[in-house]
Amino acid sequence: MDRAAALMGALAARGGPRLPAVEWAEELASTSDRLKAQARAGAPEWTTVLADRQTGGRGREGRAWASPPGGLYLSVLLRPRLEKVVLLPLAAGVAVAEAAGEL
């Protein structure tokens, strides 16, 4: 079983979200760039792209983003229908921190 399928199975076993599509690569230039291309092609919300390493990752305002092997880098497609979309990055960070704390 590949890692993407294993992740989807583990989430389902724990009552987690059902992700419509997961791509997990050893190396990508940028998970964000890959996900943007999928979004433009009509990928559904919650499509997820993961990589063990990025060679062209970028931070805010185009700053360099260190993505060495041994980390986990991911992008998730959201299609928000919220008025206060600016709060999503903060909420996502809190959710990831809480989930990591439980593990």
PDB file of N, CA and C in Angstrom:
ATOM      1  N   MET A   1       0.856  -1.180   0.000  1.00  0.00           N
ATOM      2  CA  MET A   1       0.000   0.000   0.000  1.00  0.00           C
ATOM      3  C   MET A   1       0.899   1.239   0.000  1.00  0.00           C
ATOM      4  N   ASP A   2       0.578   2.195  -0.829  1.00  0.00           N
ATOM      5  CA  ASP A   2       1.394   3.408  -0.852  1.00  0.00           C
ATOM      6  C   ASP A   2       1.060   4.304   0.343  1.00  0.00           C
ATOM      7  N   ARG A   3       1.918   5.271   0.593  1.00  0.00           N
ATOM      8  CA  ARG A   3       1.764   6.119   1.778  1.00  0.00           C
ATOM      9  C   ARG A   3       0.494   6.953   1.746  1.00  0.00           C
ATOM     10  N   ALA A   4       0.087   7.424   0.583  1.00  0.00           N
ATOM     11  CA  ALA A   4      -1.136   8.220   0.483  1.00  0.00           C
ATOM     12  C   ALA A   4      -2.343   7.378   0.894  1.00  0.00           C
ATOM     13  N   ALA A   5      -2.405   6.149   0.410  1.00  0.00           N
ATOM     14  CA  ALA A   5      -3.514   5.259   0.767  1.00  0.00           C
ATOM     15  C   ALA A   5      -3.472   4.916   2.254  1.00  0.00           C
ATOM     16  N   ALA A   6      -2.271   4.711   2.791  1.00  0.00           N
ATOM     17  CA  ALA A   6      -2.134   4.416   4.221  1.00  0.00           C
ATOM     18  C   ALA A   6      -2.614   5.592   5.068  1.00  0.00           C
ATOM     19  N   LEU A   7      -2.282   6.809   4.653  1.00  0.00           N
ATOM     20  CA  LEU A   7      -2.743   7.995   5.376  1.00  0.00           C
ATOM     21  C   LEU A   7      -4.255   8.081   5.357  1.00  0.00           C
ATOM     22  N   MET A   8      -4.853   7.885   4.196  1.00  0.00           N
ATOM     23  CA  MET A   8      -6.307   7.951   4.094  1.00  0.00           C
ATOM     24  C   MET A   8      -6.971   6.886   4.966  1.00  0.00           C
ATOM     25  N   GLY A   9      -6.389   5.686   4.997  1.00  0.00           N
ATOM     26  CA  GLY A   9      -6.918   4.623   5.839  1.00  0.00           C
ATOM     27  C   GLY A   9      -6.798   4.942   7.323  1.00  0.00           C
ATOM     28  N   ALA A  10      -5.663   5.507   7.724  1.00  0.00           N
ATOM     29  CA  ALA A  10      -5.459   5.858   9.131  1.00  0.00           C
ATOM     30  C   ALA A  10      -6.432   6.954   9.564  1.00  0.00           C
ATOM     31  N   LEU A  11      -6.651   7.930   8.707  1.00  0.00           N
ATOM     32  CA  LEU A  11      -7.621   8.985   9.035  1.00  0.00           C
ATOM     33  C   LEU A  11      -9.018   8.402   9.193  1.00  0.00           C
ATOM     34  N   ALA A  12      -9.411   7.532   8.286  1.00  0.00           N
ATOM     35  CA  ALA A  12     -10.739   6.922   8.346  1.00  0.00           C
ATOM     36  C   ALA A  12     -10.900   6.087   9.610  1.00  0.00           C
ATOM     37  N   ALA A  13      -9.854   5.347   9.991  1.00  0.00           N
ATOM     38  CA  ALA A  13      -9.914   4.494  11.179  1.00  0.00           C
ATOM     39  C   ALA A  13     -10.081   5.303  12.453  1.00  0.00           C
ATOM     40  N   ARG A  14      -9.607   6.543  12.430  1.00  0.00           N
ATOM     41  CA  ARG A  14      -9.695   7.395  13.617  1.00  0.00           C
ATOM     42  C   ARG A  14     -10.881   8.366  13.550  1.00  0.00           C
ATOM     43  N   GLY A  15     -11.738   8.183  12.559  1.00  0.00           N
ATOM     44  CA  GLY A  15     -12.886   9.069  12.420  1.00  0.00           C
ATOM     45  C   GLY A  15     -12.519  10.435  11.873  1.00  0.00           C
ATOM     46  N   GLY A  16     -11.355  10.512  11.223  1.00  0.00           N
ATOM     47  CA  GLY A  16     -10.897  11.790  10.677  1.00  0.00           C
ATOM     48  C   GLY A  16     -11.588  12.113   9.368  1.00  0.00           C
ATOM     49  N   PRO A  17     -11.191  13.212   8.763  1.00  0.00           N
ATOM     50  CA  PRO A  17     -11.845  13.626   7.525  1.00  0.00           C
ATOM     51  C   PRO A  17     -11.556  12.662   6.378  1.00  0.00           C
ATOM     52  N   ARG A  18     -12.516  12.547   5.494  1.00  0.00           N
ATOM     53  CA  ARG A  18     -12.331  11.736   4.290  1.00  0.00           C
ATOM     54  C   ARG A  18     -11.813  12.667   3.200  1.00  0.00           C
ATOM     55  N   LEU A  19     -10.585  12.468   2.822  1.00  0.00           N
ATOM     56  CA  LEU A  19      -9.956  13.320   1.819  1.00  0.00           C
ATOM     57  C   LEU A  19     -10.264  12.760   0.437  1.00  0.00           C
ATOM     58  N   PRO A  20     -10.689  13.608  -0.509  1.00  0.00           N
ATOM     59  CA  PRO A  20     -11.039  13.106  -1.832  1.00  0.00           C
ATOM     60  C   PRO A  20      -9.832  12.630  -2.637  1.00  0.00           C
ATOM     61  N   ALA A  21      -8.685  13.249  -2.417  1.00  0.00           N
ATOM     62  CA  ALA A  21      -7.485  12.875  -3.171  1.00  0.00           C
ATOM     63  C   ALA A  21      -6.258  13.270  -2.368  1.00  0.00           C
ATOM     64  N   VAL A  22      -5.297  12.363  -2.315  1.00  0.00           N
ATOM     65  CA  VAL A  22      -4.032  12.624  -1.628  1.00  0.00           C
ATOM     66  C   VAL A  22      -2.901  12.208  -2.559  1.00  0.00           C
ATOM     67  N   GLU A  23      -1.960  13.117  -2.744  1.00  0.00           N
ATOM     68  CA  GLU A  23      -0.743  12.805  -3.497  1.00  0.00           C
ATOM     69  C   GLU A  23       0.417  12.977  -2.522  1.00  0.00           C
ATOM     70  N   TRP A  24       1.296  11.988  -2.438  1.00  0.00           N
ATOM     71  CA  TRP A  24       2.438  12.058  -1.539  1.00  0.00           C
ATOM     72  C   TRP A  24       3.677  11.694  -2.341  1.00  0.00           C
ATOM     73  N   ALA A  25       4.567  12.643  -2.487  1.00  0.00           N
ATOM     74  CA  ALA A  25       5.779  12.434  -3.279  1.00  0.00           C
ATOM     75  C   ALA A  25       7.017  12.519  -2.394  1.00  0.00           C
ATOM     76  N   GLU A  26       8.064  11.848  -2.788  1.00  0.00           N
ATOM     77  CA  GLU A  26       9.327  11.974  -2.060  1.00  0.00           C
ATOM     78  C   GLU A  26       9.875  13.381  -2.225  1.00  0.00           C
ATOM     79  N   GLU A  27       9.752  13.931  -3.435  1.00  0.00           N
ATOM     80  CA  GLU A  27      10.294  15.256  -3.700  1.00  0.00           C
ATOM     81  C   GLU A  27       9.433  15.982  -4.728  1.00  0.00           C
ATOM     82  N   LEU A  28       9.136  17.229  -4.433  1.00  0.00           N
ATOM     83  CA  LEU A  28       8.432  18.115  -5.360  1.00  0.00           C
ATOM     84  C   LEU A  28       9.120  19.462  -5.333  1.00  0.00           C
ATOM     85  N   ALA A  29       8.959  20.224  -6.383  1.00  0.00           N
ATOM     86  CA  ALA A  29       9.444  21.596  -6.333  1.00  0.00           C
ATOM     87  C   ALA A  29       8.669  22.348  -5.260  1.00  0.00           C
ATOM     88  N   SER A  30       7.343  22.223  -5.281  1.00  0.00           N
ATOM     89  CA  SER A  30       6.503  22.944  -4.325  1.00  0.00           C
ATOM     90  C   SER A  30       5.148  22.247  -4.225  1.00  0.00           C
ATOM     91  N   THR A  31       4.734  21.886  -3.012  1.00  0.00           N
ATOM     92  CA  THR A  31       3.406  21.297  -2.835  1.00  0.00           C
ATOM     93  C   THR A  31       2.332  22.316  -3.229  1.00  0.00           C
ATOM     94  N   SER A  32       2.586  23.571  -2.946  1.00  0.00           N
ATOM     95  CA  SER A  32       1.624  24.628  -3.272  1.00  0.00           C
ATOM     96  C   SER A  32       1.436  24.759  -4.782  1.00  0.00           C
ATOM     97  N   ASP A  33       2.533  24.757  -5.530  1.00  0.00           N
ATOM     98  CA  ASP A  33       2.426  24.860  -6.985  1.00  0.00           C
ATOM     99  C   ASP A  33       1.684  23.662  -7.567  1.00  0.00           C
ATOM    100  N   ARG A  34       1.982  22.456  -7.059  1.00  0.00           N
ATOM    101  CA  ARG A  34       1.302  21.256  -7.562  1.00  0.00           C
ATOM    102  C   ARG A  34      -0.194  21.348  -7.268  1.00  0.00           C
ATOM    103  N   LEU A  35      -0.536  21.793  -6.050  1.00  0.00           N
ATOM    104  CA  LEU A  35      -1.946  21.889  -5.679  1.00  0.00           C
ATOM    105  C   LEU A  35      -2.669  22.975  -6.477  1.00  0.00           C
ATOM    106  N   LYS A  36      -2.001  24.087  -6.754  1.00  0.00           N
ATOM    107  CA  LYS A  36      -2.627  25.146  -7.570  1.00  0.00           C
ATOM    108  C   LYS A  36      -2.999  24.605  -8.945  1.00  0.00           C
ATOM    109  N   ALA A  37      -2.121  23.816  -9.541  1.00  0.00           N
ATOM    110  CA  ALA A  37      -2.412  23.236 -10.855  1.00  0.00           C
ATOM    111  C   ALA A  37      -3.622  22.307 -10.767  1.00  0.00           C
ATOM    112  N   GLN A  38      -3.696  21.527  -9.698  1.00  0.00           N
ATOM    113  CA  GLN A  38      -4.832  20.626  -9.525  1.00  0.00           C
ATOM    114  C   GLN A  38      -6.121  21.417  -9.295  1.00  0.00           C
ATOM    115  N   ALA A  39      -6.029  22.506  -8.530  1.00  0.00           N
ATOM    116  CA  ALA A  39      -7.204  23.341  -8.269  1.00  0.00           C
ATOM    117  C   ALA A  39      -7.739  23.940  -9.563  1.00  0.00           C
ATOM    118  N   ARG A  40      -6.836  24.424 -10.401  1.00  0.00           N
ATOM    119  CA  ARG A  40      -7.254  25.004 -11.689  1.00  0.00           C
ATOM    120  C   ARG A  40      -7.909  23.961 -12.589  1.00  0.00           C
ATOM    121  N   ALA A  41      -7.531  22.702 -12.405  1.00  0.00           N
ATOM    122  CA  ALA A  41      -8.111  21.614 -13.198  1.00  0.00           C
ATOM    123  C   ALA A  41      -9.411  21.101 -12.582  1.00  0.00           C
ATOM    124  N   GLY A  42      -9.859  21.730 -11.479  1.00  0.00           N
ATOM    125  CA  GLY A  42     -11.141  21.367 -10.885  1.00  0.00           C
ATOM    126  C   GLY A  42     -11.080  20.410  -9.722  1.00  0.00           C
ATOM    127  N   ALA A  43      -9.926  20.231  -9.104  1.00  0.00           N
ATOM    128  CA  ALA A  43      -9.817  19.328  -7.956  1.00  0.00           C
ATOM    129  C   ALA A  43     -10.798  19.752  -6.857  1.00  0.00           C
ATOM    130  N   PRO A  44     -11.366  18.789  -6.158  1.00  0.00           N
ATOM    131  CA  PRO A  44     -12.321  19.117  -5.100  1.00  0.00           C
ATOM    132  C   PRO A  44     -11.633  19.646  -3.837  1.00  0.00           C
ATOM    133  N   GLU A  45     -12.426  20.307  -3.030  1.00  0.00           N
ATOM    134  CA  GLU A  45     -11.942  20.806  -1.750  1.00  0.00           C
ATOM    135  C   GLU A  45     -11.382  19.644  -0.933  1.00  0.00           C
ATOM    136  N   TRP A  46     -10.358  19.905  -0.167  1.00  0.00           N
ATOM    137  CA  TRP A  46      -9.644  18.973   0.709  1.00  0.00           C
ATOM    138  C   TRP A  46      -8.660  18.081  -0.042  1.00  0.00           C
ATOM    139  N   THR A  47      -8.482  18.307  -1.346  1.00  0.00           N
ATOM    140  CA  THR A  47      -7.405  17.616  -2.046  1.00  0.00           C
ATOM    141  C   THR A  47      -6.103  17.996  -1.347  1.00  0.00           C
ATOM    142  N   THR A  48      -5.234  17.029  -1.132  1.00  0.00           N
ATOM    143  CA  THR A  48      -4.022  17.245  -0.343  1.00  0.00           C
ATOM    144  C   THR A  48      -2.788  16.765  -1.101  1.00  0.00           C
ATOM    145  N   VAL A  49      -1.735  17.575  -1.052  1.00  0.00           N
ATOM    146  CA  VAL A  49      -0.452  17.218  -1.661  1.00  0.00           C
ATOM    147  C   VAL A  49       0.609  17.271  -0.570  1.00  0.00           C
ATOM    148  N   LEU A  50       1.356  16.178  -0.412  1.00  0.00           N
ATOM    149  CA  LEU A  50       2.416  16.084   0.581  1.00  0.00           C
ATOM    150  C   LEU A  50       3.738  15.773  -0.102  1.00  0.00           C
ATOM    151  N   ALA A  51       4.827  16.178   0.531  1.00  0.00           N
ATOM    152  CA  ALA A  51       6.164  15.844   0.030  1.00  0.00           C
ATOM    153  C   ALA A  51       7.111  15.693   1.211  1.00  0.00           C
ATOM    154  N   ASP A  52       8.060  14.782   1.063  1.00  0.00           N
ATOM    155  CA  ASP A  52       9.098  14.623   2.084  1.00  0.00           C
ATOM    156  C   ASP A  52      10.133  15.734   1.972  1.00  0.00           C
ATOM    157  N   ARG A  53      10.237  16.310   0.769  1.00  0.00           N
ATOM    158  CA  ARG A  53      11.220  17.368   0.530  1.00  0.00           C
ATOM    159  C   ARG A  53      10.713  18.241  -0.602  1.00  0.00           C
ATOM    160  N   GLN A  54      10.956  19.549  -0.493  1.00  0.00           N
ATOM    161  CA  GLN A  54      10.640  20.485  -1.568  1.00  0.00           C
ATOM    162  C   GLN A  54      11.940  21.124  -2.053  1.00  0.00           C
ATOM    163  N   THR A  55      12.048  21.287  -3.340  1.00  0.00           N
ATOM    164  CA  THR A  55      13.248  21.919  -3.882  1.00  0.00           C
ATOM    165  C   THR A  55      13.024  23.389  -4.221  1.00  0.00           C
ATOM    166  N   GLY A  56      11.763  23.809  -4.283  1.00  0.00           N
ATOM    167  CA  GLY A  56      11.470  25.190  -4.635  1.00  0.00           C
ATOM    168  C   GLY A  56      10.394  25.795  -3.753  1.00  0.00           C
ATOM    169  N   GLY A  57      10.351  25.375  -2.484  1.00  0.00           N
ATOM    170  CA  GLY A  57       9.342  25.902  -1.573  1.00  0.00           C
ATOM    171  C   GLY A  57       9.532  27.398  -1.337  1.00  0.00           C
ATOM    172  N   ARG A  58       8.420  28.069  -1.085  1.00  0.00           N
ATOM    173  CA  ARG A  58       8.460  29.514  -0.826  1.00  0.00           C
ATOM    174  C   ARG A  58       7.651  29.821   0.417  1.00  0.00           C
ATOM    175  N   GLY A  59       8.126  30.805   1.159  1.00  0.00           N
ATOM    176  CA  GLY A  59       7.386  31.293   2.301  1.00  0.00           C
ATOM    177  C   GLY A  59       6.561  32.506   1.911  1.00  0.00           C
ATOM    178  N   ARG A  60       6.107  33.219   2.902  1.00  0.00           N
ATOM    179  CA  ARG A  60       5.328  34.425   2.646  1.00  0.00           C
ATOM    180  C   ARG A  60       6.160  35.454   1.907  1.00  0.00           C
ATOM    181  N   GLU A  61       5.508  36.197   1.048  1.00  0.00           N
ATOM    182  CA  GLU A  61       6.136  37.265   0.275  1.00  0.00           C
ATOM    183  C   GLU A  61       7.327  36.769  -0.548  1.00  0.00           C
ATOM    184  N   GLY A  62       7.270  35.513  -0.989  1.00  0.00           N
ATOM    185  CA  GLY A  62       8.304  34.964  -1.857  1.00  0.00           C
ATOM    186  C   GLY A  62       9.614  34.630  -1.176  1.00  0.00           C
ATOM    187  N   ARG A  63       9.646  34.648   0.145  1.00  0.00           N
ATOM    188  CA  ARG A  63      10.888  34.324   0.862  1.00  0.00           C
ATOM    189  C   ARG A  63      11.239  32.852   0.681  1.00  0.00           C
ATOM    190  N   ALA A  64      12.529  32.561   0.783  1.00  0.00           N
ATOM    191  CA  ALA A  64      12.992  31.177   0.676  1.00  0.00           C
ATOM    192  C   ALA A  64      12.406  30.352   1.822  1.00  0.00           C
ATOM    193  N   TRP A  65      12.099  29.104   1.519  1.00  0.00           N
ATOM    194  CA  TRP A  65      11.515  28.207   2.514  1.00  0.00           C
ATOM    195  C   TRP A  65      12.378  26.961   2.559  1.00  0.00           C
ATOM    196  N   ALA A  66      13.008  26.714   3.695  1.00  0.00           N
ATOM    197  CA  ALA A  66      13.860  25.534   3.842  1.00  0.00           C
ATOM    198  C   ALA A  66      12.975  24.297   3.943  1.00  0.00           C
ATOM    199  N   SER A  67      13.222  23.331   3.095  1.00  0.00           N
ATOM    200  CA  SER A  67      12.418  22.108   3.064  1.00  0.00           C
ATOM    201  C   SER A  67      13.326  20.888   2.974  1.00  0.00           C
ATOM    202  N   PRO A  68      14.193  20.692   3.976  1.00  0.00           N
ATOM    203  CA  PRO A  68      15.135  19.574   3.897  1.00  0.00           C
ATOM    204  C   PRO A  68      14.450  18.229   4.102  1.00  0.00           C
ATOM    205  N   PRO A  69      15.107  17.157   3.675  1.00  0.00           N
ATOM    206  CA  PRO A  69      14.568  15.818   3.940  1.00  0.00           C
ATOM    207  C   PRO A  69      14.365  15.631   5.439  1.00  0.00           C
ATOM    208  N   GLY A  70      13.379  14.818   5.784  1.00  0.00           N
ATOM    209  CA  GLY A  70      13.108  14.544   7.186  1.00  0.00           C
ATOM    210  C   GLY A  70      11.922  15.325   7.711  1.00  0.00           C
ATOM    211  N   GLY A  71      11.439  16.279   6.934  1.00  0.00           N
ATOM    212  CA  GLY A  71      10.251  17.035   7.313  1.00  0.00           C
ATOM    213  C   GLY A  71       9.042  16.489   6.576  1.00  0.00           C
ATOM    214  N   LEU A  72       7.934  17.139   6.785  1.00  0.00           N
ATOM    215  CA  LEU A  72       6.719  16.804   6.064  1.00  0.00           C
ATOM    216  C   LEU A  72       6.109  18.114   5.606  1.00  0.00           C
ATOM    217  N   TYR A  73       5.952  18.279   4.321  1.00  0.00           N
ATOM    218  CA  TYR A  73       5.476  19.526   3.736  1.00  0.00           C
ATOM    219  C   TYR A  73       4.177  19.231   3.002  1.00  0.00           C
ATOM    220  N   LEU A  74       3.162  20.037   3.254  1.00  0.00           N
ATOM    221  CA  LEU A  74       1.884  19.744   2.641  1.00  0.00           C
ATOM    222  C   LEU A  74       1.089  20.993   2.330  1.00  0.00           C
ATOM    223  N   SER A  75       0.186  20.830   1.388  1.00  0.00           N
ATOM    224  CA  SER A  75      -0.761  21.869   1.012  1.00  0.00           C
ATOM    225  C   SER A  75      -2.126  21.210   0.900  1.00  0.00           C
ATOM    226  N   VAL A  76      -3.148  21.910   1.370  1.00  0.00           N
ATOM    227  CA  VAL A  76      -4.520  21.407   1.339  1.00  0.00           C
ATOM    228  C   VAL A  76      -5.377  22.426   0.611  1.00  0.00           C
ATOM    229  N   LEU A  77      -6.185  21.951  -0.316  1.00  0.00           N
ATOM    230  CA  LEU A  77      -7.053  22.836  -1.087  1.00  0.00           C
ATOM    231  C   LEU A  77      -8.320  23.146  -0.303  1.00  0.00           C
ATOM    232  N   LEU A  78      -8.517  24.414  -0.019  1.00  0.00           N
ATOM    233  CA  LEU A  78      -9.749  24.871   0.626  1.00  0.00           C
ATOM    234  C   LEU A  78     -10.477  25.796  -0.331  1.00  0.00           C
ATOM    235  N   ARG A  79     -11.741  25.695  -0.330  1.00  0.00           N
ATOM    236  CA  ARG A  79     -12.578  26.594  -1.133  1.00  0.00           C
ATOM    237  C   ARG A  79     -13.562  27.233  -0.159  1.00  0.00           C
ATOM    238  N   PRO A  80     -13.048  28.167   0.654  1.00  0.00           N
ATOM    239  CA  PRO A  80     -13.847  28.708   1.760  1.00  0.00           C
ATOM    240  C   PRO A  80     -15.045  29.531   1.309  1.00  0.00           C
ATOM    241  N   ARG A  81     -16.089  29.421   2.102  1.00  0.00           N
ATOM    242  CA  ARG A  81     -17.268  30.225   1.894  1.00  0.00           C
ATOM    243  C   ARG A  81     -17.495  31.083   3.135  1.00  0.00           C
ATOM    244  N   LEU A  82     -16.403  31.492   3.723  1.00  0.00           N
ATOM    245  CA  LEU A  82     -16.460  32.265   4.960  1.00  0.00           C
ATOM    246  C   LEU A  82     -16.208  33.741   4.681  1.00  0.00           C
ATOM    247  N   GLU A  83     -16.779  34.577   5.516  1.00  0.00           N
ATOM    248  CA  GLU A  83     -16.539  36.011   5.372  1.00  0.00           C
ATOM    249  C   GLU A  83     -15.139  36.387   5.843  1.00  0.00           C
ATOM    250  N   LYS A  84     -14.651  35.713   6.848  1.00  0.00           N
ATOM    251  CA  LYS A  84     -13.360  36.068   7.431  1.00  0.00           C
ATOM    252  C   LYS A  84     -12.295  35.045   7.054  1.00  0.00           C
ATOM    253  N   VAL A  85     -12.040  34.940   5.776  1.00  0.00           N
ATOM    254  CA  VAL A  85     -11.084  33.973   5.250  1.00  0.00           C
ATOM    255  C   VAL A  85      -9.692  34.206   5.819  1.00  0.00           C
ATOM    256  N   VAL A  86      -9.366  35.427   6.202  1.00  0.00           N
ATOM    257  CA  VAL A  86      -8.028  35.727   6.706  1.00  0.00           C
ATOM    258  C   VAL A  86      -7.697  34.942   7.967  1.00  0.00           C
ATOM    259  N   LEU A  87      -8.690  34.409   8.664  1.00  0.00           N
ATOM    260  CA  LEU A  87      -8.447  33.644   9.886  1.00  0.00           C
ATOM    261  C   LEU A  87      -8.098  32.178   9.613  1.00  0.00           C
ATOM    262  N   LEU A  88      -8.276  31.711   8.380  1.00  0.00           N
ATOM    263  CA  LEU A  88      -8.024  30.302   8.083  1.00  0.00           C
ATOM    264  C   LEU A  88      -6.600  29.844   8.373  1.00  0.00           C
ATOM    265  N   PRO A  89      -5.560  30.582   7.980  1.00  0.00           N
ATOM    266  CA  PRO A  89      -4.205  30.104   8.289  1.00  0.00           C
ATOM    267  C   PRO A  89      -3.962  29.952   9.788  1.00  0.00           C
ATOM    268  N   LEU A  90      -4.473  30.879  10.567  1.00  0.00           N
ATOM    269  CA  LEU A  90      -4.309  30.784  12.018  1.00  0.00           C
ATOM    270  C   LEU A  90      -5.066  29.569  12.564  1.00  0.00           C
ATOM    271  N   ALA A  91      -6.301  29.385  12.122  1.00  0.00           N
ATOM    272  CA  ALA A  91      -7.087  28.248  12.586  1.00  0.00           C
ATOM    273  C   ALA A  91      -6.435  26.934  12.181  1.00  0.00           C
ATOM    274  N   ALA A  92      -5.895  26.872  10.979  1.00  0.00           N
ATOM    275  CA  ALA A  92      -5.240  25.645  10.521  1.00  0.00           C
ATOM    276  C   ALA A  92      -4.015  25.346  11.366  1.00  0.00           C
ATOM    277  N   GLY A  93      -3.225  26.367  11.691  1.00  0.00           N
ATOM    278  CA  GLY A  93      -2.043  26.167  12.537  1.00  0.00           C
ATOM    279  C   GLY A  93      -2.406  25.656  13.908  1.00  0.00           C
ATOM    280  N   VAL A  94      -3.452  26.202  14.500  1.00  0.00           N
ATOM    281  CA  VAL A  94      -3.908  25.744  15.819  1.00  0.00           C
ATOM    282  C   VAL A  94      -4.363  24.290  15.739  1.00  0.00           C
ATOM    283  N   ALA A  95      -5.128  23.943  14.704  1.00  0.00           N
ATOM    284  CA  ALA A  95      -5.610  22.583  14.557  1.00  0.00           C
ATOM    285  C   ALA A  95      -4.469  21.586  14.400  1.00  0.00           C
ATOM    286  N   VAL A  96      -3.456  21.934  13.614  1.00  0.00           N
ATOM    287  CA  VAL A  96      -2.303  21.045  13.424  1.00  0.00           C
ATOM    288  C   VAL A  96      -1.543  20.877  14.746  1.00  0.00           C
ATOM    289  N   ALA A  97      -1.348  21.986  15.469  1.00  0.00           N
ATOM    290  CA  ALA A  97      -0.644  21.914  16.756  1.00  0.00           C
ATOM    291  C   ALA A  97      -1.404  21.031  17.746  1.00  0.00           C
ATOM    292  N   GLU A  98      -2.718  21.177  17.794  1.00  0.00           N
ATOM    293  CA  GLU A  98      -3.522  20.355  18.715  1.00  0.00           C
ATOM    294  C   GLU A  98      -3.463  18.871  18.311  1.00  0.00           C
ATOM    295  N   ALA A  99      -3.560  18.597  17.019  1.00  0.00           N
ATOM    296  CA  ALA A  99      -3.505  17.202  16.561  1.00  0.00           C
ATOM    297  C   ALA A  99      -2.136  16.593  16.850  1.00  0.00           C
ATOM    298  N   ALA A 100      -1.072  17.354  16.629  1.00  0.00           N
ATOM    299  CA  ALA A 100       0.279  16.855  16.912  1.00  0.00           C
ATOM    300  C   ALA A 100       0.443  16.593  18.407  1.00  0.00           C
ATOM    301  N   GLY A 101      -0.142  17.449  19.221  1.00  0.00           N
ATOM    302  CA  GLY A 101      -0.059  17.265  20.664  1.00  0.00           C
ATOM    303  C   GLY A 101      -0.760  15.990  21.122  1.00  0.00           C
ATOM    304  N   GLU A 102      -1.835  15.621  20.450  1.00  0.00           N
ATOM    305  CA  GLU A 102      -2.563  14.391  20.793  1.00  0.00           C
ATOM    306  C   GLU A 102      -1.787  13.137  20.402  1.00  0.00           C
ATOM    307  N   LEU A 103      -0.979  13.265  19.336  1.00  0.00           N
ATOM    308  CA  LEU A 103      -0.216  12.095  18.886  1.00  0.00           C
ATOM    309  C   LEU A 103       1.028  11.934  19.724  1.00  0.00           C
TER     310      LEU A 103
END
